Amino acid sequence: MSVHQGGIRFPLLYLEMETPLGRMCIAERAHTIVYVWLHRVGPRGSPVSGVCAQHVCPGKTALLRETQSQIHAYFCGALREFSVPVTAEGTPFMQRVWGATRNIAYGTTKSYAQLSQDIGCPRAARAVGQALHRNPLLLLIPCHRVISARASIGDFAYGSALKHFLLQQEAAVCACE
């Protein structure tokens, strides 16, 4: 599988790794991370669910290895913000939602309504939730930090148990400081 960008073909390279959440896949195209997802439970509606199973192009590029290293550091509590280049394909609205979500500080949460306010669409909380549901970059776009207005966990493409785990891990790291 390859994707055309400006007339040039770029293969989709991926690397698999074990995490506390399960087997994770990281995919790179044209020197940018384009997907991070759990192999066993690809997000509903994801354009890449099953990519690893199809053996697209396994690779161990420097960028994939660096992303793997940063994800390991995140789970060890040593990394709060990812610095690898990312590209998430989506509508302009999705791009705004994902960009605002990347600005949510480690160990904190925002409601869907707060995030919709942040992007200048105060009545778009449900649309924000739908955009987050299609997030192709698990952890790198930290959609797990977005909760319902009633402070309940809210929906998560990978299930509420995994969302709760990620929020608890971040809270525990912050509590140790």
N, C-alpha and C. Protein backbone atom coordinates (compact mmCIF):
# COMPACT_ATOMS: atom_id res chain seq x y z
N MET A 1 0.85 -1.18 0.00
CA MET A 1 0.00 0.00 0.00
C MET A 1 0.89 1.23 0.00
N SER A 2 0.62 2.12 -0.87
CA SER A 2 1.34 3.39 -0.86
C SER A 2 0.34 4.49 -1.16
N VAL A 3 0.73 5.69 -0.81
CA VAL A 3 -0.14 6.84 -0.99
C VAL A 3 0.59 7.84 -1.85
N HIS A 4 -0.14 8.48 -2.74
CA HIS A 4 0.46 9.51 -3.59
C HIS A 4 0.41 10.85 -2.88
N GLN A 5 1.50 11.55 -2.87
CA GLN A 5 1.56 12.92 -2.36
C GLN A 5 2.35 13.73 -3.37
N GLY A 6 1.67 14.63 -4.05
CA GLY A 6 2.36 15.46 -5.03
C GLY A 6 2.97 14.65 -6.16
N GLY A 7 2.34 13.55 -6.56
CA GLY A 7 2.83 12.73 -7.64
C GLY A 7 3.91 11.73 -7.25
N ILE A 8 4.34 11.75 -6.01
CA ILE A 8 5.37 10.83 -5.53
C ILE A 8 4.72 9.76 -4.68
N ARG A 9 5.13 8.51 -4.86
CA ARG A 9 4.56 7.40 -4.08
C ARG A 9 5.36 7.23 -2.79
N PHE A 10 4.65 7.24 -1.66
CA PHE A 10 5.27 7.02 -0.37
C PHE A 10 4.68 5.77 0.25
N PRO A 11 5.50 4.77 0.57
CA PRO A 11 4.95 3.56 1.21
C PRO A 11 4.55 3.86 2.65
N LEU A 12 3.62 3.08 3.14
CA LEU A 12 3.22 3.14 4.54
C LEU A 12 4.05 2.09 5.27
N LEU A 13 4.95 2.55 6.12
CA LEU A 13 5.82 1.66 6.90
C LEU A 13 5.28 1.57 8.31
N TYR A 14 5.38 0.39 8.92
CA TYR A 14 4.88 0.26 10.28
C TYR A 14 5.81 -0.57 11.14
N LEU A 15 5.65 -0.38 12.43
CA LEU A 15 6.39 -1.12 13.44
C LEU A 15 5.38 -1.53 14.51
N GLU A 16 5.51 -2.74 15.03
CA GLU A 16 4.65 -3.20 16.12
C GLU A 16 5.44 -3.23 17.41
N MET A 17 4.77 -2.95 18.51
CA MET A 17 5.43 -2.97 19.82
C MET A 17 4.43 -3.40 20.88
N GLU A 18 4.95 -3.95 21.96
CA GLU A 18 4.10 -4.31 23.09
C GLU A 18 4.02 -3.12 24.04
N THR A 19 2.83 -2.87 24.55
CA THR A 19 2.61 -1.80 25.53
C THR A 19 1.71 -2.33 26.63
N PRO A 20 1.55 -1.60 27.71
CA PRO A 20 0.60 -2.02 28.75
C PRO A 20 -0.84 -2.12 28.23
N LEU A 21 -1.13 -1.49 27.11
CA LEU A 21 -2.47 -1.55 26.52
C LEU A 21 -2.64 -2.75 25.60
N GLY A 22 -1.55 -3.36 25.21
CA GLY A 22 -1.57 -4.45 24.24
C GLY A 22 -0.64 -4.13 23.08
N ARG A 23 -0.73 -4.92 22.04
CA ARG A 23 0.13 -4.75 20.88
C ARG A 23 -0.28 -3.48 20.13
N MET A 24 0.69 -2.60 19.94
CA MET A 24 0.44 -1.31 19.30
C MET A 24 1.17 -1.27 17.97
N CYS A 25 0.57 -0.61 17.00
CA CYS A 25 1.19 -0.40 15.69
C CYS A 25 1.42 1.10 15.50
N ILE A 26 2.58 1.42 14.95
CA ILE A 26 2.94 2.79 14.62
C ILE A 26 3.21 2.80 13.13
N ALA A 27 2.61 3.72 12.39
CA ALA A 27 2.83 3.78 10.95
C ALA A 27 3.37 5.14 10.54
N GLU A 28 4.28 5.10 9.59
CA GLU A 28 4.95 6.30 9.08
C GLU A 28 4.77 6.37 7.57
N ARG A 29 4.60 7.58 7.08
CA ARG A 29 4.59 7.81 5.65
C ARG A 29 5.27 9.16 5.40
N ALA A 30 6.19 9.18 4.49
CA ALA A 30 6.88 10.42 4.09
C ALA A 30 7.49 11.14 5.29
N HIS A 31 8.14 10.39 6.17
CA HIS A 31 8.88 10.93 7.32
C HIS A 31 7.99 11.62 8.35
N THR A 32 6.77 11.15 8.49
CA THR A 32 5.87 11.65 9.52
C THR A 32 5.01 10.49 10.02
N ILE A 33 4.69 10.51 11.30
CA ILE A 33 3.84 9.46 11.86
C ILE A 33 2.39 9.76 11.46
N VAL A 34 1.73 8.77 10.88
CA VAL A 34 0.36 8.98 10.40
C VAL A 34 -0.67 8.15 11.15
N TYR A 35 -0.26 7.07 11.80
CA TYR A 35 -1.19 6.24 12.57
C TYR A 35 -0.49 5.66 13.79
N VAL A 36 -1.21 5.61 14.90
CA VAL A 36 -0.82 4.84 16.08
C VAL A 36 -2.11 4.21 16.56
N TRP A 37 -2.15 2.89 16.63
CA TRP A 37 -3.37 2.22 17.06
C TRP A 37 -3.04 0.88 17.69
N LEU A 38 -4.01 0.35 18.41
CA LEU A 38 -3.85 -0.96 19.02
C LEU A 38 -4.22 -2.02 18.01
N HIS A 39 -3.33 -2.96 17.83
CA HIS A 39 -3.47 -4.01 16.82
C HIS A 39 -4.73 -4.85 17.02
N ARG A 40 -4.99 -5.24 18.25
CA ARG A 40 -6.08 -6.19 18.50
C ARG A 40 -7.45 -5.54 18.45
N VAL A 41 -7.51 -4.24 18.64
CA VAL A 41 -8.81 -3.56 18.65
C VAL A 41 -8.71 -2.22 17.92
N GLY A 42 -8.53 -2.28 16.62
CA GLY A 42 -8.46 -1.03 15.85
C GLY A 42 -9.68 -0.18 16.12
N PRO A 43 -9.51 1.15 16.15
CA PRO A 43 -10.63 2.01 16.48
C PRO A 43 -11.76 1.85 15.47
N ARG A 44 -12.97 1.87 15.96
CA ARG A 44 -14.13 1.76 15.08
C ARG A 44 -14.06 2.89 14.05
N GLY A 45 -14.29 2.54 12.81
CA GLY A 45 -14.29 3.54 11.76
C GLY A 45 -12.90 3.95 11.29
N SER A 46 -11.87 3.34 11.83
CA SER A 46 -10.51 3.72 11.46
C SER A 46 -10.21 3.28 10.03
N PRO A 47 -9.59 4.15 9.24
CA PRO A 47 -9.23 3.75 7.89
C PRO A 47 -8.08 2.77 7.86
N VAL A 48 -7.46 2.50 9.01
CA VAL A 48 -6.29 1.62 9.03
C VAL A 48 -6.51 0.35 9.82
N SER A 49 -7.70 0.10 10.34
CA SER A 49 -7.87 -1.11 11.12
C SER A 49 -7.50 -2.30 10.24
N GLY A 50 -6.60 -3.12 10.73
CA GLY A 50 -6.15 -4.27 9.98
C GLY A 50 -4.90 -4.04 9.15
N VAL A 51 -4.36 -2.82 9.14
CA VAL A 51 -3.17 -2.55 8.33
C VAL A 51 -2.03 -3.48 8.70
N CYS A 52 -1.78 -3.66 10.01
CA CYS A 52 -0.68 -4.55 10.42
C CYS A 52 -0.93 -5.96 9.93
N ALA A 53 -2.17 -6.42 10.04
CA ALA A 53 -2.49 -7.78 9.63
C ALA A 53 -2.25 -7.97 8.13
N GLN A 54 -2.33 -6.91 7.36
CA GLN A 54 -2.12 -7.01 5.91
C GLN A 54 -0.64 -6.95 5.55
N HIS A 55 0.25 -6.79 6.53
CA HIS A 55 1.70 -6.73 6.29
C HIS A 55 2.04 -5.70 5.22
N VAL A 56 1.61 -4.48 5.44
CA VAL A 56 1.82 -3.43 4.46
C VAL A 56 3.29 -3.31 4.12
N CYS A 57 4.09 -2.73 4.95
CA CYS A 57 5.54 -2.66 4.77
C CYS A 57 6.16 -2.53 6.15
N PRO A 58 6.51 -3.63 6.79
CA PRO A 58 7.16 -3.48 8.09
C PRO A 58 8.48 -2.73 7.93
N GLY A 59 8.79 -1.91 8.89
CA GLY A 59 10.02 -1.14 8.80
C GLY A 59 10.52 -0.73 10.17
N LYS A 60 11.78 -0.41 10.23
CA LYS A 60 12.38 0.07 11.49
C LYS A 60 13.17 1.33 11.18
N THR A 61 12.48 2.33 10.68
CA THR A 61 13.14 3.59 10.38
C THR A 61 13.50 4.30 11.68
N ALA A 62 14.35 5.30 11.57
CA ALA A 62 14.73 6.08 12.74
C ALA A 62 13.50 6.73 13.38
N LEU A 63 12.58 7.21 12.55
CA LEU A 63 11.37 7.85 13.09
C LEU A 63 10.48 6.85 13.81
N LEU A 64 10.30 5.67 13.26
CA LEU A 64 9.50 4.64 13.94
C LEU A 64 10.15 4.23 15.26
N ARG A 65 11.47 4.06 15.25
CA ARG A 65 12.17 3.69 16.49
C ARG A 65 12.08 4.81 17.53
N GLU A 66 12.19 6.07 17.10
CA GLU A 66 12.07 7.20 18.03
C GLU A 66 10.66 7.27 18.62
N THR A 67 9.66 7.04 17.79
CA THR A 67 8.28 7.04 18.29
C THR A 67 8.08 5.91 19.29
N GLN A 68 8.61 4.74 18.97
CA GLN A 68 8.55 3.60 19.89
C GLN A 68 9.21 3.96 21.21
N SER A 69 10.35 4.59 21.16
CA SER A 69 11.07 5.00 22.37
C SER A 69 10.25 6.00 23.18
N GLN A 70 9.64 6.96 22.51
CA GLN A 70 8.82 7.95 23.22
C GLN A 70 7.58 7.31 23.84
N ILE A 71 6.97 6.35 23.16
CA ILE A 71 5.80 5.66 23.72
C ILE A 71 6.22 4.87 24.96
N HIS A 72 7.37 4.19 24.89
CA HIS A 72 7.87 3.48 26.08
C HIS A 72 8.09 4.47 27.23
N ALA A 73 8.70 5.60 26.94
CA ALA A 73 8.95 6.62 27.97
C ALA A 73 7.64 7.15 28.55
N TYR A 74 6.63 7.32 27.71
CA TYR A 74 5.31 7.75 28.18
C TYR A 74 4.77 6.75 29.21
N PHE A 75 4.82 5.48 28.87
CA PHE A 75 4.27 4.47 29.78
C PHE A 75 5.11 4.31 31.04
N CYS A 76 6.37 4.71 31.00
CA CYS A 76 7.22 4.69 32.20
C CYS A 76 7.05 5.95 33.04
N GLY A 77 6.27 6.89 32.56
CA GLY A 77 6.05 8.14 33.28
C GLY A 77 7.14 9.17 33.08
N ALA A 78 8.01 8.94 32.10
CA ALA A 78 9.14 9.84 31.87
C ALA A 78 8.91 10.82 30.73
N LEU A 79 7.79 10.72 30.04
CA LEU A 79 7.51 11.61 28.91
C LEU A 79 6.09 12.13 29.01
N ARG A 80 5.93 13.42 28.86
CA ARG A 80 4.60 14.04 28.94
C ARG A 80 4.11 14.55 27.60
N GLU A 81 5.00 14.82 26.69
CA GLU A 81 4.62 15.39 25.40
C GLU A 81 5.45 14.75 24.31
N PHE A 82 4.79 14.27 23.27
CA PHE A 82 5.47 13.63 22.16
C PHE A 82 6.03 14.69 21.22
N SER A 83 7.22 14.44 20.69
CA SER A 83 7.86 15.44 19.84
C SER A 83 8.08 14.96 18.40
N VAL A 84 7.59 13.79 18.06
CA VAL A 84 7.77 13.29 16.70
C VAL A 84 6.80 14.02 15.76
N PRO A 85 7.18 14.18 14.50
CA PRO A 85 6.28 14.83 13.55
C PRO A 85 5.08 13.93 13.24
N VAL A 86 3.90 14.51 13.23
CA VAL A 86 2.68 13.75 12.96
C VAL A 86 1.86 14.44 11.87
N THR A 87 1.12 13.64 11.15
CA THR A 87 0.15 14.13 10.18
C THR A 87 -1.09 13.27 10.32
N ALA A 88 -2.21 13.92 10.59
CA ALA A 88 -3.48 13.21 10.69
C ALA A 88 -4.39 13.71 9.58
N GLU A 89 -4.84 12.81 8.74
CA GLU A 89 -5.71 13.20 7.64
C GLU A 89 -7.14 13.28 8.12
N GLY A 90 -7.78 14.39 7.84
CA GLY A 90 -9.17 14.59 8.23
C GLY A 90 -9.67 15.92 7.71
N THR A 91 -10.91 16.20 7.99
CA THR A 91 -11.53 17.45 7.56
C THR A 91 -10.88 18.63 8.29
N PRO A 92 -11.08 19.84 7.81
CA PRO A 92 -10.56 21.00 8.54
C PRO A 92 -11.08 21.06 9.98
N PHE A 93 -12.34 20.68 10.20
CA PHE A 93 -12.88 20.66 11.56
C PHE A 93 -12.13 19.65 12.42
N MET A 94 -11.92 18.45 11.89
CA MET A 94 -11.17 17.43 12.63
C MET A 94 -9.77 17.94 12.96
N GLN A 95 -9.12 18.59 12.01
CA GLN A 95 -7.78 19.12 12.24
C GLN A 95 -7.78 20.10 13.41
N ARG A 96 -8.79 20.96 13.48
CA ARG A 96 -8.87 21.92 14.59
C ARG A 96 -9.07 21.20 15.91
N VAL A 97 -9.94 20.20 15.92
CA VAL A 97 -10.19 19.43 17.14
C VAL A 97 -8.91 18.72 17.58
N TRP A 98 -8.26 18.04 16.66
CA TRP A 98 -7.05 17.29 17.01
C TRP A 98 -5.93 18.22 17.46
N GLY A 99 -5.80 19.38 16.82
CA GLY A 99 -4.79 20.35 17.23
C GLY A 99 -5.03 20.85 18.64
N ALA A 100 -6.28 21.18 18.95
CA ALA A 100 -6.62 21.64 20.31
C ALA A 100 -6.42 20.53 21.33
N THR A 101 -6.69 19.31 20.95
CA THR A 101 -6.52 18.17 21.86
C THR A 101 -5.05 17.97 22.18
N ARG A 102 -4.17 18.20 21.23
CA ARG A 102 -2.73 18.07 21.48
C ARG A 102 -2.25 19.09 22.51
N ASN A 103 -3.01 20.17 22.70
CA ASN A 103 -2.63 21.20 23.66
C ASN A 103 -3.13 20.93 25.08
N ILE A 104 -3.89 19.87 25.28
CA ILE A 104 -4.37 19.54 26.64
C ILE A 104 -3.18 18.99 27.42
N ALA A 105 -2.88 19.62 28.53
CA ALA A 105 -1.70 19.25 29.31
C ALA A 105 -1.81 17.84 29.88
N TYR A 106 -0.68 17.19 29.97
CA TYR A 106 -0.55 15.87 30.57
C TYR A 106 -1.15 15.90 31.98
N GLY A 107 -1.93 14.89 32.31
CA GLY A 107 -2.50 14.79 33.65
C GLY A 107 -3.73 15.64 33.87
N THR A 108 -4.19 16.34 32.85
CA THR A 108 -5.40 17.16 32.97
C THR A 108 -6.44 16.66 31.98
N THR A 109 -7.65 17.13 32.15
CA THR A 109 -8.73 16.77 31.24
C THR A 109 -9.51 18.01 30.85
N LYS A 110 -10.24 17.89 29.76
CA LYS A 110 -11.19 18.91 29.32
C LYS A 110 -12.44 18.18 28.89
N SER A 111 -13.56 18.87 28.97
CA SER A 111 -14.80 18.27 28.49
C SER A 111 -14.93 18.50 26.98
N TYR A 112 -15.79 17.71 26.36
CA TYR A 112 -16.07 17.91 24.94
C TYR A 112 -16.57 19.33 24.72
N ALA A 113 -17.39 19.85 25.63
CA ALA A 113 -17.92 21.21 25.52
C ALA A 113 -16.80 22.24 25.63
N GLN A 114 -15.86 22.04 26.56
CA GLN A 114 -14.73 22.97 26.68
C GLN A 114 -13.88 22.97 25.41
N LEU A 115 -13.66 21.80 24.87
CA LEU A 115 -12.86 21.70 23.65
C LEU A 115 -13.58 22.39 22.49
N SER A 116 -14.89 22.23 22.42
CA SER A 116 -15.64 22.90 21.35
C SER A 116 -15.55 24.42 21.50
N GLN A 117 -15.54 24.91 22.75
CA GLN A 117 -15.32 26.35 23.00
C GLN A 117 -13.93 26.75 22.52
N ASP A 118 -12.94 25.95 22.84
CA ASP A 118 -11.55 26.26 22.48
C ASP A 118 -11.36 26.44 20.97
N ILE A 119 -12.11 25.70 20.18
CA ILE A 119 -11.95 25.80 18.73
C ILE A 119 -12.94 26.78 18.10
N GLY A 120 -13.70 27.48 18.95
CA GLY A 120 -14.62 28.50 18.45
C GLY A 120 -15.94 27.97 17.94
N CYS A 121 -16.31 26.77 18.35
CA CYS A 121 -17.59 26.16 17.94
C CYS A 121 -18.33 25.70 19.19
N PRO A 122 -18.86 26.63 19.99
CA PRO A 122 -19.40 26.27 21.30
C PRO A 122 -20.55 25.28 21.30
N ARG A 123 -21.21 25.10 20.20
CA ARG A 123 -22.34 24.15 20.15
C ARG A 123 -21.97 22.85 19.45
N ALA A 124 -20.70 22.58 19.34
CA ALA A 124 -20.25 21.42 18.56
C ALA A 124 -19.65 20.31 19.42
N ALA A 125 -20.09 20.18 20.66
CA ALA A 125 -19.50 19.16 21.55
C ALA A 125 -19.65 17.75 20.96
N ARG A 126 -20.79 17.45 20.39
CA ARG A 126 -20.97 16.10 19.80
C ARG A 126 -20.07 15.90 18.59
N ALA A 127 -19.95 16.93 17.78
CA ALA A 127 -19.07 16.84 16.61
C ALA A 127 -17.62 16.68 17.04
N VAL A 128 -17.25 17.33 18.15
CA VAL A 128 -15.90 17.17 18.71
C VAL A 128 -15.70 15.70 19.09
N GLY A 129 -16.69 15.11 19.75
CA GLY A 129 -16.60 13.71 20.12
C GLY A 129 -16.45 12.80 18.91
N GLN A 130 -17.17 13.11 17.84
CA GLN A 130 -17.06 12.30 16.62
C GLN A 130 -15.68 12.43 15.99
N ALA A 131 -15.13 13.64 16.00
CA ALA A 131 -13.78 13.84 15.45
C ALA A 131 -12.75 13.06 16.28
N LEU A 132 -12.90 13.11 17.60
CA LEU A 132 -11.96 12.39 18.46
C LEU A 132 -12.09 10.88 18.27
N HIS A 133 -13.29 10.42 17.99
CA HIS A 133 -13.52 9.00 17.75
C HIS A 133 -12.74 8.52 16.52
N ARG A 134 -12.44 9.43 15.62
CA ARG A 134 -11.71 9.09 14.39
C ARG A 134 -10.22 9.44 14.48
N ASN A 135 -9.76 9.73 15.67
CA ASN A 135 -8.35 10.07 15.89
C ASN A 135 -7.46 8.92 15.44
N PRO A 136 -6.59 9.15 14.46
CA PRO A 136 -5.72 8.07 13.99
C PRO A 136 -4.42 7.94 14.77
N LEU A 137 -4.20 8.81 15.77
CA LEU A 137 -2.91 8.84 16.46
C LEU A 137 -3.09 8.67 17.97
N LEU A 138 -3.43 7.46 18.37
CA LEU A 138 -3.60 7.14 19.79
C LEU A 138 -2.38 7.63 20.57
N LEU A 139 -2.59 8.24 21.69
CA LEU A 139 -1.59 8.83 22.59
C LEU A 139 -1.00 10.12 22.04
N LEU A 140 -0.59 10.15 20.78
CA LEU A 140 0.05 11.35 20.23
C LEU A 140 -0.94 12.50 20.10
N ILE A 141 -2.18 12.19 19.80
CA ILE A 141 -3.30 13.13 19.95
C ILE A 141 -4.07 12.56 21.14
N PRO A 142 -3.88 13.13 22.33
CA PRO A 142 -4.37 12.50 23.57
C PRO A 142 -5.88 12.65 23.80
N CYS A 143 -6.66 12.00 22.95
CA CYS A 143 -8.12 12.11 23.05
C CYS A 143 -8.64 11.49 24.35
N HIS A 144 -7.82 10.68 25.01
CA HIS A 144 -8.25 10.11 26.29
C HIS A 144 -8.41 11.19 27.36
N ARG A 145 -7.85 12.37 27.13
CA ARG A 145 -7.95 13.47 28.10
C ARG A 145 -9.24 14.27 27.96
N VAL A 146 -10.10 13.88 27.04
CA VAL A 146 -11.37 14.58 26.84
C VAL A 146 -12.48 13.73 27.45
N ILE A 147 -13.23 14.35 28.36
CA ILE A 147 -14.26 13.64 29.12
C ILE A 147 -15.60 14.33 28.94
N SER A 148 -16.65 13.73 29.47
CA SER A 148 -17.97 14.35 29.36
C SER A 148 -18.08 15.54 30.31
N ALA A 149 -19.06 16.38 30.09
CA ALA A 149 -19.27 17.57 30.91
C ALA A 149 -19.59 17.21 32.36
N ARG A 150 -20.11 16.03 32.58
CA ARG A 150 -20.44 15.58 33.94
C ARG A 150 -19.25 14.91 34.62
N ALA A 151 -18.08 15.06 34.02
CA ALA A 151 -16.82 14.49 34.54
C ALA A 151 -16.81 12.97 34.52
N SER A 152 -17.73 12.36 33.78
CA SER A 152 -17.64 10.91 33.59
C SER A 152 -16.63 10.65 32.48
N ILE A 153 -16.21 9.43 32.37
CA ILE A 153 -15.12 9.08 31.46
C ILE A 153 -15.45 9.39 30.00
N GLY A 154 -16.69 9.29 29.60
CA GLY A 154 -17.06 9.54 28.22
C GLY A 154 -16.69 8.36 27.33
N ASP A 155 -16.96 8.51 26.06
CA ASP A 155 -16.71 7.44 25.10
C ASP A 155 -15.23 7.43 24.71
N PHE A 156 -14.78 6.30 24.20
CA PHE A 156 -13.40 6.16 23.74
C PHE A 156 -13.39 5.03 22.72
N ALA A 157 -12.73 5.25 21.61
CA ALA A 157 -12.73 4.26 20.54
C ALA A 157 -12.22 2.90 20.99
N TYR A 158 -11.35 2.88 22.00
CA TYR A 158 -10.77 1.63 22.49
C TYR A 158 -11.44 1.12 23.76
N GLY A 159 -12.53 1.75 24.16
CA GLY A 159 -13.25 1.32 25.35
C GLY A 159 -12.91 2.14 26.58
N SER A 160 -13.87 2.24 27.46
CA SER A 160 -13.71 3.08 28.65
C SER A 160 -12.64 2.56 29.61
N ALA A 161 -12.41 1.25 29.65
CA ALA A 161 -11.39 0.71 30.55
C ALA A 161 -9.99 1.21 30.17
N LEU A 162 -9.68 1.24 28.87
CA LEU A 162 -8.38 1.73 28.44
C LEU A 162 -8.25 3.23 28.67
N LYS A 163 -9.33 3.96 28.45
CA LYS A 163 -9.31 5.40 28.71
C LYS A 163 -9.06 5.66 30.20
N HIS A 164 -9.75 4.93 31.04
CA HIS A 164 -9.57 5.06 32.49
C HIS A 164 -8.12 4.74 32.87
N PHE A 165 -7.56 3.68 32.30
CA PHE A 165 -6.18 3.30 32.58
C PHE A 165 -5.22 4.44 32.26
N LEU A 166 -5.37 5.05 31.07
CA LEU A 166 -4.48 6.14 30.66
C LEU A 166 -4.62 7.35 31.58
N LEU A 167 -5.85 7.70 31.94
CA LEU A 167 -6.06 8.84 32.84
C LEU A 167 -5.48 8.56 34.22
N GLN A 168 -5.66 7.35 34.71
CA GLN A 168 -5.11 6.99 36.03
C GLN A 168 -3.59 7.00 36.01
N GLN A 169 -3.00 6.51 34.93
CA GLN A 169 -1.54 6.51 34.84
C GLN A 169 -1.01 7.93 34.89
N GLU A 170 -1.60 8.83 34.13
CA GLU A 170 -1.14 10.22 34.12
C GLU A 170 -1.34 10.87 35.49
N ALA A 171 -2.47 10.59 36.12
CA ALA A 171 -2.74 11.16 37.45
C ALA A 171 -1.72 10.65 38.46
N ALA A 172 -1.36 9.37 38.37
CA ALA A 172 -0.39 8.80 39.31
C ALA A 172 0.99 9.43 39.13
N VAL A 173 1.40 9.65 37.90
CA VAL A 173 2.70 10.28 37.64
C VAL A 173 2.70 11.70 38.19
N CYS A 174 1.62 12.43 37.97
CA CYS A 174 1.53 13.81 38.48
C CYS A 174 1.51 13.85 40.00
N ALA A 175 0.89 12.86 40.63
CA ALA A 175 0.80 12.82 42.09
C ALA A 175 2.16 12.56 42.74
N CYS A 176 3.07 11.95 42.00
CA CYS A 176 4.39 11.62 42.55
C CYS A 176 5.35 12.81 42.52
N GLU A 177 4.94 13.90 41.96
CA GLU A 177 5.84 15.05 41.85
C GLU A 177 5.74 15.97 43.03
